[in-house]
Amino acid sequence: MSWTPRDIPDQSGKTIVITGANSGIGFEATKLLADKGAHVIMACRSTARGEAARAQIMQALPGAKLTLKPLDLSDLKSVRDFAHTLHDEFDSLDVLLNNAGVMAPPLTRTSEGFELQIGTNHLGHFALTGLLLDLLSAAPAGRVVTVSSLAHRMGNIRFDDLQWQKKYSRWLAYGQSKLANLMFARDLQRRLQRDGAGVISVAVHPGYSATHLQDTMPGGKVFNALFAQHQSQGALPSVFAATAAQASPGGYYGPGGWMELRGLPAPARPRKLADNHDVAQRLWQVSEQLTGVRYLSTPAAA
């Protein structure tokens, strides 16, 4: 494919939620979608950084429709409060872009005691999607886009120690959370299709993109300068999955260049484990138990 920002269809009248919209790929996706007329709900953990990002976009796009809402994916109460607010203010949502994430921090626990990466990257988005699925189903053609990573290839779902109570590896924990993102996206599509829902689920990864996540890593800034593509390029798979007619239900997209590190959006290669139904179903059940959000049945199309 040779899909570029020029190919983004008009988004006028659409409402799109982007988690982590104040920086990196989420910030770039917000700009691209707002420029095409979408009303973007910027779901940000830090309202101060969110306001600064919103002001920056408004300066470049004075007519942009942007609404800032607080959301801390590491706190399930915050997730529920955010979902309640959206139900009070909106009758439908066209796209949920599950973008926010943390990468390779020291061992940290969420409000519920989850390891921070599985808690934020996967469980927070799992709960959020379940709580907003009725609003997505009320749209003519709702979409859930979940951002995974090339790092999913080094991950395993450690059911015997999902929260890293034993020896912690920040990178293996990151890989686990990104594998969980991909497995969730693909299992969600199977369930949506089974239930005849009008919503589709698509997974993406940004390749190797220069974002703030790498800045805190040893040598991160050097590697960004030498090898990474700009974060605006890294946002294109997410925007493609959110808007393009060519995006396949259950698909997985990333940069189409060498080793999927950079380039324009193209079908990506998931690790075989990502399509293991037994592991996916067990992960789903565990995620429901841990979050208290149960997908009893996905709503049918309105």
C-alpha atoms as a PDB file:
ATOM      1  CA  MET A   1       0.000   0.000   0.000  1.00  0.00           C
ATOM      2  CA  SER A   2       1.021   3.628  -0.432  1.00  0.00           C
ATOM      3  CA  TRP A   3      -1.427   5.147   2.054  1.00  0.00           C
ATOM      4  CA  THR A   4      -0.406   8.634   3.210  1.00  0.00           C
ATOM      5  CA  PRO A   5      -2.057  11.451   5.220  1.00  0.00           C
ATOM      6  CA  ARG A   6      -3.553  12.692   1.947  1.00  0.00           C
ATOM      7  CA  ASP A   7      -5.658   9.526   1.896  1.00  0.00           C
ATOM      8  CA  ILE A   8      -7.331  10.103   5.258  1.00  0.00           C
ATOM      9  CA  PRO A   9     -11.061  10.386   4.502  1.00  0.00           C
ATOM     10  CA  ASP A  10     -13.130  13.275   5.767  1.00  0.00           C
ATOM     11  CA  GLN A  11     -13.951  12.772   9.457  1.00  0.00           C
ATOM     12  CA  SER A  12     -16.547  15.505   9.861  1.00  0.00           C
ATOM     13  CA  GLY A  13     -19.283  14.478  12.283  1.00  0.00           C
ATOM     14  CA  LYS A  14     -17.201  11.695  13.849  1.00  0.00           C
ATOM     15  CA  THR A  15     -16.242  11.490  17.509  1.00  0.00           C
ATOM     16  CA  ILE A  16     -12.939   9.792  18.282  1.00  0.00           C
ATOM     17  CA  VAL A  17     -11.438   8.986  21.687  1.00  0.00           C
ATOM     18  CA  ILE A  18      -7.631   8.835  21.827  1.00  0.00           C
ATOM     19  CA  THR A  19      -5.907   7.734  25.016  1.00  0.00           C
ATOM     20  CA  GLY A  20      -2.533   9.351  25.631  1.00  0.00           C
ATOM     21  CA  ALA A  21      -3.389  12.126  23.175  1.00  0.00           C
ATOM     22  CA  ASN A  22      -1.031  14.700  24.661  1.00  0.00           C
ATOM     23  CA  SER A  23       2.260  13.267  23.402  1.00  0.00           C
ATOM     24  CA  GLY A  24       3.967  10.992  20.901  1.00  0.00           C
ATOM     25  CA  ILE A  25       1.857   8.977  18.514  1.00  0.00           C
ATOM     26  CA  GLY A  26      -1.386   9.957  20.236  1.00  0.00           C
ATOM     27  CA  PHE A  27      -0.596  13.646  19.779  1.00  0.00           C
ATOM     28  CA  GLU A  28       0.197  13.168  16.093  1.00  0.00           C
ATOM     29  CA  ALA A  29      -2.952  11.092  15.520  1.00  0.00           C
ATOM     30  CA  THR A  30      -4.992  13.793  17.241  1.00  0.00           C
ATOM     31  CA  LYS A  31      -3.612  16.432  14.873  1.00  0.00           C
ATOM     32  CA  LEU A  32      -4.227  14.352  11.764  1.00  0.00           C
ATOM     33  CA  LEU A  33      -7.782  13.418  12.700  1.00  0.00           C
ATOM     34  CA  ALA A  34      -8.747  16.892  13.928  1.00  0.00           C
ATOM     35  CA  ASP A  35      -7.422  18.339  10.670  1.00  0.00           C
ATOM     36  CA  LYS A  36      -9.883  16.083   8.844  1.00  0.00           C
ATOM     37  CA  GLY A  37     -12.816  17.363  10.878  1.00  0.00           C
ATOM     38  CA  ALA A  38     -13.130  14.804  13.670  1.00  0.00           C
ATOM     39  CA  HIS A  39     -14.156  15.780  17.184  1.00  0.00           C
ATOM     40  CA  VAL A  40     -11.284  14.278  19.164  1.00  0.00           C
ATOM     41  CA  ILE A  41     -11.674  13.515  22.848  1.00  0.00           C
ATOM     42  CA  MET A  42      -8.160  13.759  24.263  1.00  0.00           C
ATOM     43  CA  ALA A  43      -8.023  11.283  27.155  1.00  0.00           C
ATOM     44  CA  CYS A  44      -4.941  12.250  29.173  1.00  0.00           C
ATOM     45  CA  ARG A  45      -3.538  11.312  32.564  1.00  0.00           C
ATOM     46  CA  SER A  46      -2.062  14.781  33.097  1.00  0.00           C
ATOM     47  CA  THR A  47      -4.574  17.558  32.474  1.00  0.00           C
ATOM     48  CA  ALA A  48      -1.757  20.123  32.477  1.00  0.00           C
ATOM     49  CA  ARG A  49       0.110  18.337  29.683  1.00  0.00           C
ATOM     50  CA  GLY A  50      -3.190  17.707  27.946  1.00  0.00           C
ATOM     51  CA  GLU A  51      -4.065  21.412  28.014  1.00  0.00           C
ATOM     52  CA  ALA A  52      -0.629  22.299  26.649  1.00  0.00           C
ATOM     53  CA  ALA A  53      -1.016  19.782  23.807  1.00  0.00           C
ATOM     54  CA  ARG A  54      -4.525  20.996  23.046  1.00  0.00           C
ATOM     55  CA  ALA A  55      -3.331  24.614  22.909  1.00  0.00           C
ATOM     56  CA  GLN A  56      -0.500  23.649  20.563  1.00  0.00           C
ATOM     57  CA  ILE A  57      -2.886  21.913  18.167  1.00  0.00           C
ATOM     58  CA  MET A  58      -5.423  24.749  18.346  1.00  0.00           C
ATOM     59  CA  GLN A  59      -2.699  27.208  17.398  1.00  0.00           C
ATOM     60  CA  ALA A  60      -1.939  25.193  14.269  1.00  0.00           C
ATOM     61  CA  LEU A  61      -5.590  24.262  13.570  1.00  0.00           C
ATOM     62  CA  PRO A  62      -7.806  27.077  14.913  1.00  0.00           C
ATOM     63  CA  GLY A  63     -10.991  25.255  13.885  1.00  0.00           C
ATOM     64  CA  ALA A  64     -10.086  21.958  15.542  1.00  0.00           C
ATOM     65  CA  LYS A  65     -12.729  20.266  17.700  1.00  0.00           C
ATOM     66  CA  LEU A  66     -10.861  19.029  20.746  1.00  0.00           C
ATOM     67  CA  THR A  67     -12.195  18.070  24.172  1.00  0.00           C
ATOM     68  CA  LEU A  68      -9.826  17.220  27.017  1.00  0.00           C
ATOM     69  CA  LYS A  69     -10.890  14.597  29.565  1.00  0.00           C
ATOM     70  CA  PRO A  70      -8.854  13.190  32.473  1.00  0.00           C
ATOM     71  CA  LEU A  71      -8.098   9.476  32.273  1.00  0.00           C
ATOM     72  CA  ASP A  72      -5.554   7.472  34.259  1.00  0.00           C
ATOM     73  CA  LEU A  73      -5.495   3.956  32.853  1.00  0.00           C
ATOM     74  CA  SER A  74      -3.543   2.713  35.855  1.00  0.00           C
ATOM     75  CA  ASP A  75      -6.557   3.469  38.071  1.00  0.00           C
ATOM     76  CA  LEU A  76      -9.754   1.551  37.323  1.00  0.00           C
ATOM     77  CA  LYS A  77     -11.842   4.113  39.211  1.00  0.00           C
ATOM     78  CA  SER A  78     -10.542   6.764  36.801  1.00  0.00           C
ATOM     79  CA  VAL A  79     -11.433   4.485  33.882  1.00  0.00           C
ATOM     80  CA  ARG A  80     -14.978   4.056  35.163  1.00  0.00           C
ATOM     81  CA  ASP A  81     -15.364   7.779  35.884  1.00  0.00           C
ATOM     82  CA  PHE A  82     -14.200   8.588  32.346  1.00  0.00           C
ATOM     83  CA  ALA A  83     -16.669   6.109  30.855  1.00  0.00           C
ATOM     84  CA  HIS A  84     -19.524   7.510  32.965  1.00  0.00           C
ATOM     85  CA  THR A  85     -18.702  11.028  31.798  1.00  0.00           C
ATOM     86  CA  LEU A  86     -18.764  10.000  28.143  1.00  0.00           C
ATOM     87  CA  HIS A  87     -22.115   8.275  28.614  1.00  0.00           C
ATOM     88  CA  ASP A  88     -23.489  11.479  30.101  1.00  0.00           C
ATOM     89  CA  GLU A  89     -22.218  13.630  27.219  1.00  0.00           C
ATOM     90  CA  PHE A  90     -22.352  11.463  24.090  1.00  0.00           C
ATOM     91  CA  ASP A  91     -24.885   9.167  22.454  1.00  0.00           C
ATOM     92  CA  SER A  92     -22.284   7.361  20.345  1.00  0.00           C
ATOM     93  CA  LEU A  93     -18.562   7.111  19.618  1.00  0.00           C
ATOM     94  CA  ASP A  94     -17.093   6.328  16.215  1.00  0.00           C
ATOM     95  CA  VAL A  95     -13.578   5.285  17.208  1.00  0.00           C
ATOM     96  CA  LEU A  96     -11.728   4.317  20.369  1.00  0.00           C
ATOM     97  CA  LEU A  97      -7.974   4.491  19.828  1.00  0.00           C
ATOM     98  CA  ASN A  98      -6.293   2.578  22.668  1.00  0.00           C
ATOM     99  CA  ASN A  99      -2.931   4.285  22.346  1.00  0.00           C
ATOM    100  CA  ALA A 100      -1.585   5.291  25.773  1.00  0.00           C
ATOM    101  CA  GLY A 101       1.125   3.211  27.354  1.00  0.00           C
ATOM    102  CA  VAL A 102       4.194   2.990  29.535  1.00  0.00           C
ATOM    103  CA  MET A 103       7.429   1.316  28.531  1.00  0.00           C
ATOM    104  CA  ALA A 104       9.996  -0.491  30.697  1.00  0.00           C
ATOM    105  CA  PRO A 105       9.753   1.450  33.978  1.00  0.00           C
ATOM    106  CA  PRO A 106      11.194   0.201  37.254  1.00  0.00           C
ATOM    107  CA  LEU A 107       8.819  -2.144  39.061  1.00  0.00           C
ATOM    108  CA  THR A 108       5.746  -0.076  39.898  1.00  0.00           C
ATOM    109  CA  ARG A 109       2.240  -1.021  40.989  1.00  0.00           C
ATOM    110  CA  THR A 110      -1.082   0.473  39.901  1.00  0.00           C
ATOM    111  CA  SER A 111      -3.838   1.591  42.266  1.00  0.00           C
ATOM    112  CA  GLU A 112      -5.174  -1.988  42.223  1.00  0.00           C
ATOM    113  CA  GLY A 113      -1.738  -3.523  42.777  1.00  0.00           C
ATOM    114  CA  PHE A 114      -1.159  -4.636  39.176  1.00  0.00           C
ATOM    115  CA  GLU A 115       2.298  -4.430  37.639  1.00  0.00           C
ATOM    116  CA  LEU A 116       2.211  -1.022  35.928  1.00  0.00           C
ATOM    117  CA  GLN A 117       2.697  -2.135  32.326  1.00  0.00           C
ATOM    118  CA  ILE A 118       0.121  -4.936  32.203  1.00  0.00           C
ATOM    119  CA  GLY A 119      -2.156  -2.776  34.345  1.00  0.00           C
ATOM    120  CA  THR A 120      -1.949   0.333  32.163  1.00  0.00           C
ATOM    121  CA  ASN A 121      -1.254  -0.975  28.678  1.00  0.00           C
ATOM    122  CA  HIS A 122      -3.649  -3.924  28.744  1.00  0.00           C
ATOM    123  CA  LEU A 123      -6.023  -4.050  31.721  1.00  0.00           C
ATOM    124  CA  GLY A 124      -6.854  -0.348  31.643  1.00  0.00           C
ATOM    125  CA  HIS A 125      -7.683  -0.489  27.943  1.00  0.00           C
ATOM    126  CA  PHE A 126      -9.546  -3.792  28.334  1.00  0.00           C
ATOM    127  CA  ALA A 127     -11.800  -2.179  30.939  1.00  0.00           C
ATOM    128  CA  LEU A 128     -12.198   1.046  28.965  1.00  0.00           C
ATOM    129  CA  THR A 129     -13.217  -0.763  25.791  1.00  0.00           C
ATOM    130  CA  GLY A 130     -15.779  -2.866  27.604  1.00  0.00           C
ATOM    131  CA  LEU A 131     -17.285   0.169  29.291  1.00  0.00           C
ATOM    132  CA  LEU A 132     -17.565   2.116  26.012  1.00  0.00           C
ATOM    133  CA  LEU A 133     -18.623  -0.712  23.720  1.00  0.00           C
ATOM    134  CA  ASP A 134     -22.285   0.274  23.800  1.00  0.00           C
ATOM    135  CA  LEU A 135     -21.426   3.801  22.621  1.00  0.00           C
ATOM    136  CA  LEU A 136     -19.265   2.380  19.837  1.00  0.00           C
ATOM    137  CA  SER A 137     -22.080   0.044  18.838  1.00  0.00           C
ATOM    138  CA  ALA A 138     -24.446   3.018  18.606  1.00  0.00           C
ATOM    139  CA  ALA A 139     -22.307   4.531  15.818  1.00  0.00           C
ATOM    140  CA  PRO A 140     -22.905   3.501  12.184  1.00  0.00           C
ATOM    141  CA  ALA A 141     -19.528   1.730  11.963  1.00  0.00           C
ATOM    142  CA  GLY A 142     -17.644   1.856  15.250  1.00  0.00           C
ATOM    143  CA  ARG A 143     -13.989   0.882  15.474  1.00  0.00           C
ATOM    144  CA  VAL A 144     -11.639  -0.109  18.269  1.00  0.00           C
ATOM    145  CA  VAL A 145      -7.963   0.385  17.419  1.00  0.00           C
ATOM    146  CA  THR A 146      -5.405  -1.024  19.868  1.00  0.00           C
ATOM    147  CA  VAL A 147      -1.717  -0.131  19.682  1.00  0.00           C
ATOM    148  CA  SER A 148       0.652  -3.051  20.189  1.00  0.00           C
ATOM    149  CA  SER A 149       4.392  -3.107  19.464  1.00  0.00           C
ATOM    150  CA  LEU A 150       7.093  -5.100  17.752  1.00  0.00           C
ATOM    151  CA  ALA A 151       8.041  -5.948  21.335  1.00  0.00           C
ATOM    152  CA  HIS A 152       5.064  -8.326  21.475  1.00  0.00           C
ATOM    153  CA  ARG A 153       7.409 -10.839  19.830  1.00  0.00           C
ATOM    154  CA  MET A 154       9.446 -11.149  23.036  1.00  0.00           C
ATOM    155  CA  GLY A 155       6.428 -11.413  25.300  1.00  0.00           C
ATOM    156  CA  ASN A 156       4.649 -14.320  26.927  1.00  0.00           C
ATOM    157  CA  ILE A 157       1.494 -14.297  29.032  1.00  0.00           C
ATOM    158  CA  ARG A 158       2.803 -15.423  32.412  1.00  0.00           C
ATOM    159  CA  PHE A 159      -0.394 -16.747  33.973  1.00  0.00           C
ATOM    160  CA  ASP A 160       1.613 -18.161  36.870  1.00  0.00           C
ATOM    161  CA  ASP A 161       3.015 -14.697  37.688  1.00  0.00           C
ATOM    162  CA  LEU A 162       1.138 -12.126  35.613  1.00  0.00           C
ATOM    163  CA  GLN A 163       1.945  -9.314  38.060  1.00  0.00           C
ATOM    164  CA  TRP A 164       5.669 -10.069  38.403  1.00  0.00           C
ATOM    165  CA  GLN A 165       5.629 -10.860  42.106  1.00  0.00           C
ATOM    166  CA  LYS A 166       8.835 -12.822  41.523  1.00  0.00           C
ATOM    167  CA  LYS A 167      11.933 -11.531  39.717  1.00  0.00           C
ATOM    168  CA  TYR A 168      10.978  -8.536  37.570  1.00  0.00           C
ATOM    169  CA  SER A 169      12.206  -7.886  34.027  1.00  0.00           C
ATOM    170  CA  ARG A 170      11.055  -4.508  32.758  1.00  0.00           C
ATOM    171  CA  TRP A 171      11.460  -5.456  29.088  1.00  0.00           C
ATOM    172  CA  LEU A 172       9.825  -8.865  29.340  1.00  0.00           C
ATOM    173  CA  ALA A 173       6.986  -7.219  31.252  1.00  0.00           C
ATOM    174  CA  TYR A 174       6.649  -4.680  28.449  1.00  0.00           C
ATOM    175  CA  GLY A 175       6.610  -7.480  25.879  1.00  0.00           C
ATOM    176  CA  GLN A 176       3.914  -9.277  27.859  1.00  0.00           C
ATOM    177  CA  SER A 177       1.725  -6.175  27.930  1.00  0.00           C
ATOM    178  CA  LYS A 178       2.123  -5.581  24.191  1.00  0.00           C
ATOM    179  CA  LEU A 179       1.362  -9.230  23.390  1.00  0.00           C
ATOM    180  CA  ALA A 180      -1.732  -8.865  25.572  1.00  0.00           C
ATOM    181  CA  ASN A 181      -2.745  -5.786  23.540  1.00  0.00           C
ATOM    182  CA  LEU A 182      -2.507  -7.720  20.287  1.00  0.00           C
ATOM    183  CA  MET A 183      -4.261 -10.810  21.626  1.00  0.00           C
ATOM    184  CA  PHE A 184      -7.051  -8.657  23.048  1.00  0.00           C
ATOM    185  CA  ALA A 185      -7.584  -6.837  19.744  1.00  0.00           C
ATOM    186  CA  ARG A 186      -7.812 -10.041  17.744  1.00  0.00           C
ATOM    187  CA  ASP A 187      -9.955 -11.891  20.292  1.00  0.00           C
ATOM    188  CA  LEU A 188     -12.273  -8.879  20.510  1.00  0.00           C
ATOM    189  CA  GLN A 189     -12.815  -9.081  16.755  1.00  0.00           C
ATOM    190  CA  ARG A 190     -13.716 -12.769  17.008  1.00  0.00           C
ATOM    191  CA  ARG A 191     -16.280 -11.952  19.693  1.00  0.00           C
ATOM    192  CA  LEU A 192     -17.706  -8.986  17.797  1.00  0.00           C
ATOM    193  CA  GLN A 193     -18.102 -11.110  14.686  1.00  0.00           C
ATOM    194  CA  ARG A 194     -19.680 -13.933  16.681  1.00  0.00           C
ATOM    195  CA  ASP A 195     -22.263 -11.561  18.140  1.00  0.00           C
ATOM    196  CA  GLY A 196     -23.064  -9.832  14.857  1.00  0.00           C
ATOM    197  CA  ALA A 197     -21.938  -6.452  16.204  1.00  0.00           C
ATOM    198  CA  GLY A 198     -21.398  -3.480  13.930  1.00  0.00           C
ATOM    199  CA  VAL A 199     -18.057  -2.650  15.560  1.00  0.00           C
ATOM    200  CA  ILE A 200     -14.693  -3.861  14.268  1.00  0.00           C
ATOM    201  CA  SER A 201     -11.402  -4.293  16.125  1.00  0.00           C
ATOM    202  CA  VAL A 202      -8.027  -3.599  14.511  1.00  0.00           C
ATOM    203  CA  ALA A 203      -4.497  -3.773  15.949  1.00  0.00           C
ATOM    204  CA  VAL A 204      -1.481  -1.691  14.954  1.00  0.00           C
ATOM    205  CA  HIS A 205       2.104  -1.017  15.888  1.00  0.00           C
ATOM    206  CA  PRO A 206       4.167   2.134  15.202  1.00  0.00           C
ATOM    207  CA  GLY A 207       7.459   0.501  14.211  1.00  0.00           C
ATOM    208  CA  TYR A 208      10.452   2.283  15.671  1.00  0.00           C
ATOM    209  CA  SER A 209       9.256   5.822  16.167  1.00  0.00           C
ATOM    210  CA  ALA A 210      10.995   8.649  17.996  1.00  0.00           C
ATOM    211  CA  THR A 211       8.724   9.367  20.960  1.00  0.00           C
ATOM    212  CA  HIS A 212       9.231  10.421  24.573  1.00  0.00           C
ATOM    213  CA  LEU A 213       9.092   6.771  25.659  1.00  0.00           C
ATOM    214  CA  GLN A 214      12.624   6.129  24.398  1.00  0.00           C
ATOM    215  CA  ASP A 215      14.076   9.328  25.844  1.00  0.00           C
ATOM    216  CA  THR A 216      14.358   7.811  29.319  1.00  0.00           C
ATOM    217  CA  MET A 217      16.080   4.644  28.091  1.00  0.00           C
ATOM    218  CA  PRO A 218      19.895   4.329  28.097  1.00  0.00           C
ATOM    219  CA  GLY A 219      21.032   5.471  24.663  1.00  0.00           C
ATOM    220  CA  GLY A 220      17.443   6.122  23.638  1.00  0.00           C
ATOM    221  CA  LYS A 221      18.027   9.582  22.205  1.00  0.00           C
ATOM    222  CA  VAL A 222      21.007   8.364  20.175  1.00  0.00           C
ATOM    223  CA  PHE A 223      19.066   5.432  18.706  1.00  0.00           C
ATOM    224  CA  ASN A 224      16.138   7.726  17.954  1.00  0.00           C
ATOM    225  CA  ALA A 225      18.416  10.078  16.024  1.00  0.00           C
ATOM    226  CA  LEU A 226      20.081   7.283  14.063  1.00  0.00           C
ATOM    227  CA  PHE A 227      17.290   4.808  13.331  1.00  0.00           C
ATOM    228  CA  ALA A 228      13.831   6.038  14.259  1.00  0.00           C
ATOM    229  CA  GLN A 229      11.194   7.574  12.059  1.00  0.00           C
ATOM    230  CA  HIS A 230       9.397  10.703  13.220  1.00  0.00           C
ATOM    231  CA  GLN A 231       6.469  10.122  15.553  1.00  0.00           C
ATOM    232  CA  SER A 232       4.126  11.589  12.926  1.00  0.00           C
ATOM    233  CA  GLN A 233       5.046   8.692  10.642  1.00  0.00           C
ATOM    234  CA  GLY A 234       4.596   6.258  13.523  1.00  0.00           C
ATOM    235  CA  ALA A 235       1.032   7.500  13.984  1.00  0.00           C
ATOM    236  CA  LEU A 236      -0.030   6.569  10.448  1.00  0.00           C
ATOM    237  CA  PRO A 237      -0.868   2.888  11.141  1.00  0.00           C
ATOM    238  CA  SER A 238      -3.206   4.023  13.942  1.00  0.00           C
ATOM    239  CA  VAL A 239      -4.910   6.605  11.740  1.00  0.00           C
ATOM    240  CA  PHE A 240      -5.150   4.117   8.875  1.00  0.00           C
ATOM    241  CA  ALA A 241      -6.825   1.561  11.143  1.00  0.00           C
ATOM    242  CA  ALA A 242      -9.185   4.214  12.515  1.00  0.00           C
ATOM    243  CA  THR A 243     -10.316   5.616   9.170  1.00  0.00           C
ATOM    244  CA  ALA A 244      -9.380   3.641   6.068  1.00  0.00           C
ATOM    245  CA  ALA A 245     -11.930   1.521   4.236  1.00  0.00           C
ATOM    246  CA  GLN A 246      -9.086  -0.920   3.483  1.00  0.00           C
ATOM    247  CA  ALA A 247      -8.537  -1.723   7.180  1.00  0.00           C
ATOM    248  CA  SER A 248      -9.662  -5.314   7.683  1.00  0.00           C
ATOM    249  CA  PRO A 249     -11.596  -6.415  10.777  1.00  0.00           C
ATOM    250  CA  GLY A 250      -9.112  -8.236  12.989  1.00  0.00           C
ATOM    251  CA  GLY A 251      -6.220  -6.900  10.925  1.00  0.00           C
ATOM    252  CA  TYR A 252      -2.794  -5.914  12.204  1.00  0.00           C
ATOM    253  CA  TYR A 253      -0.911  -3.018  10.604  1.00  0.00           C
ATOM    254  CA  GLY A 254       2.448  -1.330  10.990  1.00  0.00           C
ATOM    255  CA  PRO A 255       5.132   0.360   8.894  1.00  0.00           C
ATOM    256  CA  GLY A 256       5.782  -1.474   5.645  1.00  0.00           C
ATOM    257  CA  GLY A 257       9.535  -0.859   5.400  1.00  0.00           C
ATOM    258  CA  TRP A 258      12.529  -2.930   6.449  1.00  0.00           C
ATOM    259  CA  MET A 259      11.758  -5.142   9.460  1.00  0.00           C
ATOM    260  CA  GLU A 260       8.546  -3.125   9.966  1.00  0.00           C
ATOM    261  CA  LEU A 261      10.633  -0.425  11.637  1.00  0.00           C
ATOM    262  CA  ARG A 262       9.581   2.480   9.426  1.00  0.00           C
ATOM    263  CA  GLY A 263       7.547   3.296   6.356  1.00  0.00           C
ATOM    264  CA  LEU A 264       3.936   3.723   5.299  1.00  0.00           C
ATOM    265  CA  PRO A 265       1.141   1.545   6.747  1.00  0.00           C
ATOM    266  CA  ALA A 266       1.002  -2.062   5.580  1.00  0.00           C
ATOM    267  CA  PRO A 267      -0.149  -5.433   6.927  1.00  0.00           C
ATOM    268  CA  ALA A 268       2.137  -6.506   9.791  1.00  0.00           C
ATOM    269  CA  ARG A 269       3.268  -9.968  10.859  1.00  0.00           C
ATOM    270  CA  PRO A 270       1.945 -11.025  14.255  1.00  0.00           C
ATOM    271  CA  ARG A 271       3.726 -13.638  16.300  1.00  0.00           C
ATOM    272  CA  LYS A 272       1.989 -17.012  15.975  1.00  0.00           C
ATOM    273  CA  LEU A 273       1.164 -17.008  19.693  1.00  0.00           C
ATOM    274  CA  ALA A 274      -1.004 -13.917  19.147  1.00  0.00           C
ATOM    275  CA  ASP A 275      -3.616 -16.149  17.506  1.00  0.00           C
ATOM    276  CA  ASN A 276      -3.590 -18.931  20.080  1.00  0.00           C
ATOM    277  CA  HIS A 277      -7.305 -19.132  20.967  1.00  0.00           C
ATOM    278  CA  ASP A 278      -6.773 -21.032  24.218  1.00  0.00           C
ATOM    279  CA  VAL A 279      -4.322 -18.471  25.563  1.00  0.00           C
ATOM    280  CA  ALA A 280      -6.495 -15.599  24.307  1.00  0.00           C
ATOM    281  CA  GLN A 281      -9.607 -16.961  26.014  1.00  0.00           C
ATOM    282  CA  ARG A 282      -7.753 -17.510  29.263  1.00  0.00           C
ATOM    283  CA  LEU A 283      -6.328 -13.982  29.096  1.00  0.00           C
ATOM    284  CA  TRP A 284      -9.839 -12.635  28.487  1.00  0.00           C
ATOM    285  CA  GLN A 285     -11.229 -14.469  31.508  1.00  0.00           C
ATOM    286  CA  VAL A 286      -8.380 -13.302  33.742  1.00  0.00           C
ATOM    287  CA  SER A 287      -8.805  -9.735  32.492  1.00  0.00           C
ATOM    288  CA  GLU A 288     -12.513  -9.787  33.312  1.00  0.00           C
ATOM    289  CA  GLN A 289     -11.772 -11.107  36.795  1.00  0.00           C
ATOM    290  CA  LEU A 290      -9.064  -8.519  37.501  1.00  0.00           C
ATOM    291  CA  THR A 291     -10.935  -5.492  36.136  1.00  0.00           C
ATOM    292  CA  GLY A 292     -14.489  -6.456  37.086  1.00  0.00           C
ATOM    293  CA  VAL A 293     -15.581  -5.525  33.550  1.00  0.00           C
ATOM    294  CA  ARG A 294     -17.426  -8.405  31.934  1.00  0.00           C
ATOM    295  CA  TYR A 295     -18.194  -8.604  28.236  1.00  0.00           C
ATOM    296  CA  LEU A 296     -21.268 -10.807  28.608  1.00  0.00           C
ATOM    297  CA  SER A 297     -22.273 -10.107  25.019  1.00  0.00           C
ATOM    298  CA  THR A 298     -21.171  -7.447  22.593  1.00  0.00           C
ATOM    299  CA  PRO A 299     -24.102  -5.210  21.622  1.00  0.00           C
ATOM    300  CA  ALA A 300     -25.583  -5.612  18.165  1.00  0.00           C
ATOM    301  CA  ALA A 301     -25.375  -2.766  15.674  1.00  0.00           C
ATOM    302  CA  ALA A 302     -27.860   0.033  16.198  1.00  0.00           C
END
